[in-house]
């Protein structure tokens, strides 16, 4: 299965999870190829809005470009949503991190499995806030 298809399936998995818990949710197909900033998933319930960039990796670290992080923050601020990175490591459940919890280098944000387990929220914790 291609990386693109795996990513799309992961996004659809999140959309199903949110809908099953009473959240209105949509997946922005092709979000990474649009001219304008756009997260992968938008979810809302009772006035709370989440803008989620979804990532999957089979390694122990996931790198995100500073541009990607800045665009997510810009979109979330403009839309009035909370900006979250959803990351799923191989054979692990989803973890959700706020942008301020992601360490930055000169070129990237870096999410390790260790950091995700330490600072990240599970999807149940994210949706129960």
N, C-alpha and C. Protein backbone atom coordinates (compact mmCIF):
# COMPACT_ATOMS: atom_id res chain seq x y z
N UNK A 1 0.84 -1.17 0.00
CA UNK A 1 0.00 0.00 0.00
C UNK A 1 0.89 1.24 0.00
N UNK A 2 0.53 2.22 -0.80
CA UNK A 2 1.34 3.44 -0.91
C UNK A 2 1.25 4.28 0.36
N UNK A 3 2.26 5.15 0.56
CA UNK A 3 2.26 6.05 1.71
C UNK A 3 1.03 6.95 1.69
N UNK A 4 0.68 7.44 0.50
CA UNK A 4 -0.47 8.33 0.36
C UNK A 4 -1.76 7.61 0.78
N UNK A 5 -1.90 6.38 0.36
CA UNK A 5 -3.11 5.62 0.70
C UNK A 5 -3.16 5.31 2.19
N UNK A 6 -2.01 4.97 2.78
CA UNK A 6 -1.96 4.73 4.23
C UNK A 6 -2.36 5.97 5.00
N UNK A 7 -1.86 7.12 4.55
CA UNK A 7 -2.20 8.38 5.21
C UNK A 7 -3.69 8.69 5.09
N UNK A 8 -4.25 8.47 3.92
CA UNK A 8 -5.68 8.71 3.71
C UNK A 8 -6.51 7.79 4.59
N UNK A 9 -6.12 6.53 4.68
CA UNK A 9 -6.84 5.58 5.54
C UNK A 9 -6.76 5.99 7.00
N UNK A 10 -5.60 6.48 7.43
CA UNK A 10 -5.44 6.93 8.81
C UNK A 10 -6.35 8.13 9.08
N UNK A 11 -6.42 9.06 8.15
CA UNK A 11 -7.30 10.22 8.30
C UNK A 11 -8.76 9.78 8.38
N UNK A 12 -9.15 8.84 7.55
CA UNK A 12 -10.53 8.33 7.58
C UNK A 12 -10.83 7.63 8.91
N UNK A 13 -9.84 6.94 9.45
CA UNK A 13 -10.00 6.29 10.76
C UNK A 13 -10.32 7.34 11.83
N UNK A 14 -9.62 8.47 11.81
CA UNK A 14 -9.89 9.54 12.77
C UNK A 14 -11.28 10.13 12.57
N UNK A 15 -11.66 10.34 11.33
CA UNK A 15 -12.99 10.89 11.03
C UNK A 15 -14.06 9.97 11.61
N UNK A 16 -13.94 8.67 11.40
CA UNK A 16 -14.91 7.71 11.96
C UNK A 16 -14.94 7.79 13.48
N UNK A 17 -13.77 7.83 14.09
CA UNK A 17 -13.68 7.88 15.55
C UNK A 17 -14.42 9.11 16.09
N UNK A 18 -14.16 10.28 15.51
CA UNK A 18 -14.82 11.49 15.98
C UNK A 18 -16.33 11.42 15.78
N UNK A 19 -16.78 10.99 14.59
CA UNK A 19 -18.23 10.90 14.34
C UNK A 19 -18.89 9.95 15.33
N UNK A 20 -18.25 8.83 15.62
CA UNK A 20 -18.82 7.85 16.55
C UNK A 20 -18.98 8.42 17.96
N UNK A 21 -18.27 9.50 18.26
CA UNK A 21 -18.35 10.12 19.58
C UNK A 21 -19.10 11.45 19.55
N UNK A 22 -19.85 11.68 18.47
CA UNK A 22 -20.72 12.84 18.40
C UNK A 22 -20.07 14.13 17.93
N UNK A 23 -18.88 14.05 17.36
CA UNK A 23 -18.21 15.22 16.82
C UNK A 23 -18.53 15.34 15.33
N UNK A 24 -18.81 16.55 14.86
CA UNK A 24 -18.91 16.80 13.42
C UNK A 24 -17.48 16.87 12.89
N UNK A 25 -17.20 16.10 11.85
CA UNK A 25 -15.82 15.96 11.39
C UNK A 25 -15.77 15.89 9.88
N UNK A 26 -14.69 16.43 9.32
CA UNK A 26 -14.46 16.26 7.89
C UNK A 26 -12.97 16.10 7.63
N UNK A 27 -12.70 15.41 6.56
CA UNK A 27 -11.33 15.21 6.10
C UNK A 27 -11.13 16.08 4.88
N UNK A 28 -10.06 16.84 4.87
CA UNK A 28 -9.75 17.71 3.74
C UNK A 28 -8.88 16.91 2.77
N UNK A 29 -9.51 16.26 1.81
CA UNK A 29 -8.77 15.44 0.84
C UNK A 29 -7.78 16.31 0.08
N UNK A 30 -6.56 15.82 -0.06
CA UNK A 30 -5.54 16.56 -0.80
C UNK A 30 -5.03 17.78 -0.07
N UNK A 31 -5.17 17.79 1.25
CA UNK A 31 -4.82 18.99 2.02
C UNK A 31 -3.37 19.39 1.84
N UNK A 32 -2.46 18.45 1.65
CA UNK A 32 -1.05 18.77 1.49
C UNK A 32 -0.69 19.32 0.13
N UNK A 33 -1.62 19.25 -0.82
CA UNK A 33 -1.31 19.69 -2.18
C UNK A 33 -2.06 20.96 -2.56
N UNK A 34 -2.73 21.59 -1.61
CA UNK A 34 -3.49 22.80 -1.90
C UNK A 34 -2.60 24.03 -1.83
N UNK A 35 -3.05 25.08 -2.47
CA UNK A 35 -2.32 26.35 -2.49
C UNK A 35 -2.38 27.03 -1.12
N UNK A 36 -3.46 26.81 -0.39
CA UNK A 36 -3.67 27.48 0.88
C UNK A 36 -3.48 26.52 2.05
N UNK A 37 -3.12 27.05 3.22
CA UNK A 37 -2.96 26.18 4.39
C UNK A 37 -4.27 25.47 4.71
N UNK A 38 -4.17 24.19 5.00
CA UNK A 38 -5.36 23.39 5.29
C UNK A 38 -4.96 22.15 6.06
N UNK A 39 -5.54 21.92 7.23
CA UNK A 39 -5.21 20.71 7.99
C UNK A 39 -5.85 19.48 7.35
N UNK A 40 -5.43 18.32 7.80
CA UNK A 40 -5.98 17.08 7.26
C UNK A 40 -7.40 16.81 7.75
N UNK A 41 -7.67 17.13 9.02
CA UNK A 41 -8.96 16.83 9.63
C UNK A 41 -9.42 18.04 10.43
N UNK A 42 -10.71 18.37 10.30
CA UNK A 42 -11.36 19.37 11.14
C UNK A 42 -12.45 18.66 11.93
N UNK A 43 -12.51 18.95 13.22
CA UNK A 43 -13.52 18.33 14.08
C UNK A 43 -14.08 19.38 15.03
N UNK A 44 -15.36 19.29 15.31
CA UNK A 44 -15.97 20.25 16.23
C UNK A 44 -17.12 19.65 17.00
N UNK A 45 -17.27 20.13 18.24
CA UNK A 45 -18.38 19.70 19.08
C UNK A 45 -18.59 20.75 20.16
N UNK A 46 -19.84 21.20 20.29
CA UNK A 46 -20.22 22.14 21.35
C UNK A 46 -19.32 23.38 21.40
N UNK A 47 -19.00 23.93 20.24
CA UNK A 47 -18.19 25.15 20.19
C UNK A 47 -16.69 24.93 20.20
N UNK A 48 -16.25 23.71 20.41
CA UNK A 48 -14.81 23.41 20.39
C UNK A 48 -14.44 22.96 18.98
N UNK A 49 -13.39 23.55 18.43
CA UNK A 49 -12.94 23.21 17.08
C UNK A 49 -11.48 22.77 17.11
N UNK A 50 -11.20 21.69 16.40
CA UNK A 50 -9.85 21.14 16.31
C UNK A 50 -9.40 21.13 14.86
N UNK A 51 -8.20 21.61 14.61
CA UNK A 51 -7.55 21.51 13.30
C UNK A 51 -6.39 20.54 13.49
N UNK A 52 -6.45 19.40 12.81
CA UNK A 52 -5.49 18.33 13.06
C UNK A 52 -4.70 18.00 11.80
N UNK A 53 -3.39 18.04 11.92
CA UNK A 53 -2.48 17.56 10.89
C UNK A 53 -2.11 16.14 11.29
N UNK A 54 -2.33 15.18 10.41
CA UNK A 54 -2.12 13.76 10.72
C UNK A 54 -0.82 13.25 10.13
N UNK A 55 -0.08 12.49 10.93
CA UNK A 55 1.18 11.91 10.49
C UNK A 55 1.26 10.46 10.93
N UNK A 56 1.88 9.65 10.09
CA UNK A 56 2.16 8.25 10.43
C UNK A 56 3.63 7.98 10.14
N UNK A 57 4.21 7.09 10.94
CA UNK A 57 5.60 6.74 10.69
C UNK A 57 5.89 5.35 11.21
N UNK A 58 6.83 4.69 10.56
CA UNK A 58 7.28 3.38 11.04
C UNK A 58 8.60 3.51 11.80
N UNK A 59 9.13 4.74 11.86
CA UNK A 59 10.38 4.95 12.60
C UNK A 59 10.05 5.44 14.02
N UNK A 60 11.08 5.75 14.78
CA UNK A 60 10.91 6.20 16.16
C UNK A 60 10.76 7.72 16.27
N UNK A 61 10.91 8.43 15.15
CA UNK A 61 10.77 9.88 15.13
C UNK A 61 10.02 10.31 13.88
N UNK A 62 9.26 11.38 14.02
CA UNK A 62 8.58 11.98 12.88
C UNK A 62 9.01 13.44 12.79
N UNK A 63 9.52 13.83 11.63
CA UNK A 63 9.97 15.19 11.39
C UNK A 63 8.89 15.94 10.62
N UNK A 64 8.65 17.18 11.03
CA UNK A 64 7.68 18.04 10.35
C UNK A 64 8.38 19.34 9.99
N UNK A 65 8.14 19.83 8.80
CA UNK A 65 8.80 21.08 8.38
C UNK A 65 8.24 22.25 9.19
N UNK A 66 9.07 23.25 9.36
CA UNK A 66 8.61 24.46 10.05
C UNK A 66 7.47 25.11 9.28
N UNK A 67 7.53 25.04 7.96
CA UNK A 67 6.45 25.60 7.14
C UNK A 67 5.14 24.90 7.44
N UNK A 68 5.18 23.58 7.53
CA UNK A 68 3.99 22.79 7.83
C UNK A 68 3.38 23.20 9.18
N UNK A 69 4.24 23.34 10.18
CA UNK A 69 3.78 23.74 11.51
C UNK A 69 3.22 25.16 11.50
N UNK A 70 3.91 26.07 10.81
CA UNK A 70 3.45 27.46 10.73
C UNK A 70 2.11 27.57 10.01
N UNK A 71 1.94 26.79 8.95
CA UNK A 71 0.68 26.83 8.20
C UNK A 71 -0.48 26.29 9.03
N UNK A 72 -0.22 25.24 9.81
CA UNK A 72 -1.26 24.72 10.69
C UNK A 72 -1.65 25.76 11.72
N UNK A 73 -0.66 26.43 12.32
CA UNK A 73 -0.95 27.45 13.32
C UNK A 73 -1.72 28.62 12.70
N UNK A 74 -1.32 29.02 11.50
CA UNK A 74 -2.01 30.11 10.80
C UNK A 74 -3.47 29.74 10.55
N UNK A 75 -3.70 28.55 10.01
CA UNK A 75 -5.06 28.12 9.73
C UNK A 75 -5.89 28.09 11.01
N UNK A 76 -5.35 27.48 12.05
CA UNK A 76 -6.08 27.35 13.31
C UNK A 76 -6.42 28.72 13.89
N UNK A 77 -5.47 29.64 13.87
CA UNK A 77 -5.73 30.99 14.38
C UNK A 77 -6.82 31.68 13.57
N UNK A 78 -6.75 31.57 12.26
CA UNK A 78 -7.71 32.22 11.38
C UNK A 78 -9.09 31.60 11.51
N UNK A 79 -9.15 30.29 11.66
CA UNK A 79 -10.41 29.55 11.73
C UNK A 79 -11.01 29.57 13.14
N UNK A 80 -10.20 29.89 14.12
CA UNK A 80 -10.67 29.86 15.51
C UNK A 80 -10.68 28.46 16.08
N UNK A 81 -9.65 27.69 15.74
CA UNK A 81 -9.57 26.30 16.18
C UNK A 81 -8.29 26.06 16.97
N UNK A 82 -8.25 24.95 17.66
CA UNK A 82 -7.03 24.50 18.33
C UNK A 82 -6.19 23.74 17.31
N UNK A 83 -4.90 24.01 17.28
CA UNK A 83 -3.99 23.32 16.36
C UNK A 83 -3.40 22.09 17.06
N UNK A 84 -3.53 20.94 16.42
CA UNK A 84 -3.01 19.68 16.96
C UNK A 84 -2.28 18.91 15.87
N UNK A 85 -1.23 18.21 16.27
CA UNK A 85 -0.59 17.22 15.41
C UNK A 85 -1.00 15.86 15.93
N UNK A 86 -1.61 15.06 15.08
CA UNK A 86 -1.93 13.68 15.41
C UNK A 86 -0.87 12.81 14.79
N UNK A 87 -0.22 11.98 15.60
CA UNK A 87 0.85 11.13 15.08
C UNK A 87 0.60 9.70 15.53
N UNK A 88 0.83 8.79 14.60
CA UNK A 88 0.66 7.37 14.89
C UNK A 88 1.95 6.66 14.49
N UNK A 89 2.61 6.11 15.49
CA UNK A 89 3.81 5.33 15.27
C UNK A 89 3.40 3.88 15.01
N UNK A 90 4.27 3.15 14.33
CA UNK A 90 4.00 1.75 13.98
C UNK A 90 3.62 0.94 15.22
N UNK A 91 2.50 0.26 15.14
CA UNK A 91 1.97 -0.60 16.21
C UNK A 91 1.63 0.15 17.50
N UNK A 92 1.36 1.43 17.37
CA UNK A 92 0.96 2.27 18.51
C UNK A 92 -0.37 2.93 18.17
N UNK A 93 -1.05 3.40 19.20
CA UNK A 93 -2.27 4.17 19.01
C UNK A 93 -1.91 5.61 18.66
N UNK A 94 -2.92 6.40 18.34
CA UNK A 94 -2.73 7.80 18.03
C UNK A 94 -2.30 8.57 19.27
N UNK A 95 -1.44 9.56 19.07
CA UNK A 95 -1.08 10.55 20.09
C UNK A 95 -1.31 11.92 19.47
N UNK A 96 -1.77 12.88 20.29
CA UNK A 96 -2.05 14.22 19.81
C UNK A 96 -1.25 15.22 20.63
N UNK A 97 -0.50 16.06 19.92
CA UNK A 97 0.35 17.05 20.58
C UNK A 97 0.00 18.44 20.12
N UNK A 98 0.07 19.38 21.06
CA UNK A 98 -0.07 20.79 20.71
C UNK A 98 1.27 21.26 20.16
N UNK A 99 1.23 22.28 19.34
CA UNK A 99 2.44 22.74 18.67
C UNK A 99 3.52 23.18 19.65
N UNK A 100 3.14 23.78 20.76
CA UNK A 100 4.15 24.24 21.72
C UNK A 100 4.88 23.10 22.43
N UNK A 101 4.36 21.89 22.32
CA UNK A 101 5.03 20.73 22.92
C UNK A 101 6.02 20.05 21.99
N UNK A 102 6.13 20.54 20.77
CA UNK A 102 7.00 19.91 19.77
C UNK A 102 8.33 20.67 19.73
N UNK A 103 9.44 19.99 20.06
CA UNK A 103 10.75 20.66 20.00
C UNK A 103 11.12 21.01 18.56
N UNK A 104 11.74 22.17 18.40
CA UNK A 104 12.11 22.67 17.08
C UNK A 104 13.62 22.68 16.90
N UNK A 105 14.05 22.34 15.71
CA UNK A 105 15.44 22.55 15.30
C UNK A 105 15.41 23.74 14.34
N UNK A 106 16.50 24.01 13.67
CA UNK A 106 16.54 25.11 12.71
C UNK A 106 15.61 24.87 11.52
N UNK A 107 15.35 23.60 11.20
CA UNK A 107 14.56 23.28 10.01
C UNK A 107 13.29 22.48 10.26
N UNK A 108 13.19 21.84 11.43
CA UNK A 108 12.10 20.90 11.64
C UNK A 108 11.55 20.94 13.05
N UNK A 109 10.33 20.41 13.17
CA UNK A 109 9.80 19.99 14.45
C UNK A 109 10.03 18.50 14.53
N UNK A 110 10.31 17.97 15.70
CA UNK A 110 10.62 16.55 15.83
C UNK A 110 9.74 15.94 16.92
N UNK A 111 9.00 14.90 16.55
CA UNK A 111 8.19 14.17 17.53
C UNK A 111 8.75 12.76 17.63
N UNK A 112 9.26 12.43 18.79
CA UNK A 112 9.72 11.06 19.03
C UNK A 112 8.58 10.28 19.70
N UNK A 113 8.67 8.96 19.62
CA UNK A 113 7.69 8.11 20.30
C UNK A 113 7.72 8.40 21.80
N UNK A 114 8.90 8.59 22.34
CA UNK A 114 9.05 8.89 23.77
C UNK A 114 8.32 10.19 24.13
N UNK A 115 8.51 11.23 23.32
CA UNK A 115 7.84 12.50 23.56
C UNK A 115 6.32 12.35 23.45
N UNK A 116 5.88 11.61 22.43
CA UNK A 116 4.44 11.41 22.23
C UNK A 116 3.81 10.73 23.45
N UNK A 117 4.51 9.74 23.98
CA UNK A 117 3.97 9.04 25.16
C UNK A 117 4.00 9.94 26.40
N UNK A 118 4.97 10.82 26.47
CA UNK A 118 5.13 11.69 27.63
C UNK A 118 4.16 12.88 27.60
N UNK A 119 4.07 13.56 26.46
CA UNK A 119 3.31 14.81 26.36
C UNK A 119 2.02 14.69 25.57
N UNK A 120 1.90 13.65 24.77
CA UNK A 120 0.73 13.55 23.91
C UNK A 120 -0.52 13.08 24.64
N UNK A 121 -1.66 13.41 24.07
CA UNK A 121 -2.94 12.93 24.57
C UNK A 121 -3.40 11.77 23.70
N UNK A 122 -4.12 10.85 24.30
CA UNK A 122 -4.78 9.82 23.51
C UNK A 122 -6.00 10.47 22.86
N UNK A 123 -6.59 9.78 21.92
CA UNK A 123 -7.77 10.35 21.27
C UNK A 123 -8.93 10.45 22.26
N UNK A 124 -9.01 9.53 23.20
CA UNK A 124 -10.05 9.61 24.23
C UNK A 124 -9.86 10.86 25.09
N UNK A 125 -8.61 11.13 25.49
CA UNK A 125 -8.32 12.31 26.30
C UNK A 125 -8.60 13.59 25.51
N UNK A 126 -8.26 13.61 24.23
CA UNK A 126 -8.48 14.78 23.40
C UNK A 126 -9.96 15.09 23.27
N UNK A 127 -10.77 14.09 23.10
CA UNK A 127 -12.21 14.31 22.86
C UNK A 127 -13.01 14.48 24.15
N UNK A 128 -12.42 14.21 25.29
CA UNK A 128 -13.15 14.36 26.56
C UNK A 128 -12.89 15.68 27.25
N UNK A 129 -12.03 16.52 26.71
CA UNK A 129 -11.73 17.81 27.32
C UNK A 129 -12.95 18.65 27.44
